Amino acid sequence: MKRPRSRIGVCTACLGIKEALEFHHIVPQRVETASTESEMVWLCHDCHLQLHVDWIDPIGRQPRQVYLDLTQQFLWEKRNKE
């Protein structure tokens, strides 16, 4: 099932109401092309960019559990910092 790339709603990370959310694959598609819906989240552009630049991209290719753990940690820190 094809999902939209953008929608209006609440960012999963910062919990802000945004007009354009982006669909984030928790396990990058370069690692695993098929993702379950539970492994995808809607993020605003700023949070999506921060997650990739600061957390995901620097670690290179890793086992899928590493990405799941990093994304959970990122979401927890974003929600508890602001």
Protein backbone atom coordinates (compact mmCIF):
# COMPACT_ATOMS: atom_id res chain seq x y z
CA MET A 1 0.00 0.00 0.00
CA LYS A 2 1.46 3.36 -1.05
CA ARG A 3 1.47 5.99 1.71
CA PRO A 4 1.42 9.76 1.26
CA ARG A 5 4.74 11.54 1.74
CA SER A 6 3.21 14.59 3.42
CA ARG A 7 0.17 15.42 5.52
CA ILE A 8 -1.10 17.85 8.16
CA GLY A 9 -0.90 16.60 11.73
CA VAL A 10 1.18 16.21 14.88
CA CYS A 11 4.92 15.50 14.67
CA THR A 12 5.75 12.28 16.51
CA ALA A 13 8.95 13.85 17.90
CA CYS A 14 8.28 17.45 18.94
CA LEU A 15 4.48 16.97 19.19
CA GLY A 16 3.95 20.22 17.28
CA ILE A 17 1.02 20.64 14.92
CA LYS A 18 2.51 20.99 11.44
CA GLU A 19 1.10 21.56 7.97
CA ALA A 20 3.64 19.28 6.28
CA LEU A 21 4.77 16.09 7.97
CA GLU A 22 7.22 13.66 6.39
CA PHE A 23 7.06 9.88 6.62
CA HIS A 24 10.23 8.49 8.23
CA HIS A 25 11.27 4.86 7.82
CA ILE A 26 12.86 3.96 11.15
CA VAL A 27 14.95 1.27 9.47
CA PRO A 28 16.43 3.10 6.44
CA GLN A 29 15.34 1.81 3.07
CA ARG A 30 18.99 1.37 2.11
CA VAL A 31 19.16 -1.32 4.82
CA GLU A 32 15.76 -2.93 4.48
CA THR A 33 13.33 -2.03 1.71
CA ALA A 34 10.21 -3.44 3.39
CA SER A 35 9.07 -1.78 6.60
CA THR A 36 6.03 -2.52 8.71
CA GLU A 37 3.72 0.35 9.65
CA SER A 38 4.95 0.13 13.26
CA GLU A 39 8.45 0.95 11.97
CA MET A 40 7.38 4.25 10.39
CA VAL A 41 6.62 7.63 11.98
CA TRP A 42 5.40 11.05 10.84
CA LEU A 43 7.91 13.83 11.57
CA CYS A 44 8.04 17.55 10.79
CA HIS A 45 10.83 18.54 8.42
CA ASP A 46 13.05 19.96 11.21
CA CYS A 47 12.82 16.83 13.37
CA HIS A 48 13.27 14.55 10.36
CA LEU A 49 16.39 16.43 9.30
CA GLN A 50 17.79 16.48 12.86
CA LEU A 51 17.19 12.74 13.27
CA HIS A 52 19.10 11.95 10.09
CA VAL A 53 21.94 14.45 10.45
CA ASP A 54 22.62 13.91 14.16
CA TRP A 55 21.58 10.30 14.74
CA ILE A 56 21.13 8.06 11.71
CA ASP A 57 23.53 9.14 8.96
CA PRO A 58 26.73 9.26 11.09
CA ILE A 59 26.50 5.60 12.11
CA GLY A 60 26.44 4.10 8.60
CA ARG A 61 24.91 0.70 7.95
CA GLN A 62 23.85 -1.13 11.12
CA PRO A 63 21.58 -4.03 12.12
CA ARG A 64 17.89 -3.06 12.13
CA GLN A 65 17.60 -3.06 15.95
CA VAL A 66 20.18 -0.26 16.17
CA TYR A 67 17.91 2.01 14.09
CA LEU A 68 14.85 1.08 16.15
CA ASP A 69 16.69 1.87 19.38
CA LEU A 70 18.17 5.15 18.09
CA THR A 71 14.81 6.41 16.87
CA GLN A 72 13.14 5.54 20.18
CA GLN A 73 15.90 7.37 22.05
CA PHE A 74 15.60 10.41 19.74
CA LEU A 75 11.82 10.56 20.22
CA TRP A 76 12.16 10.23 24.00
CA GLU A 77 14.79 12.99 24.18
CA LYS A 78 12.78 15.37 21.95
CA ARG A 79 9.63 14.90 24.03
CA ASN A 80 11.41 15.31 27.36
CA LYS A 81 13.70 18.19 26.43
CA GLU A 82 11.13 20.72 25.22
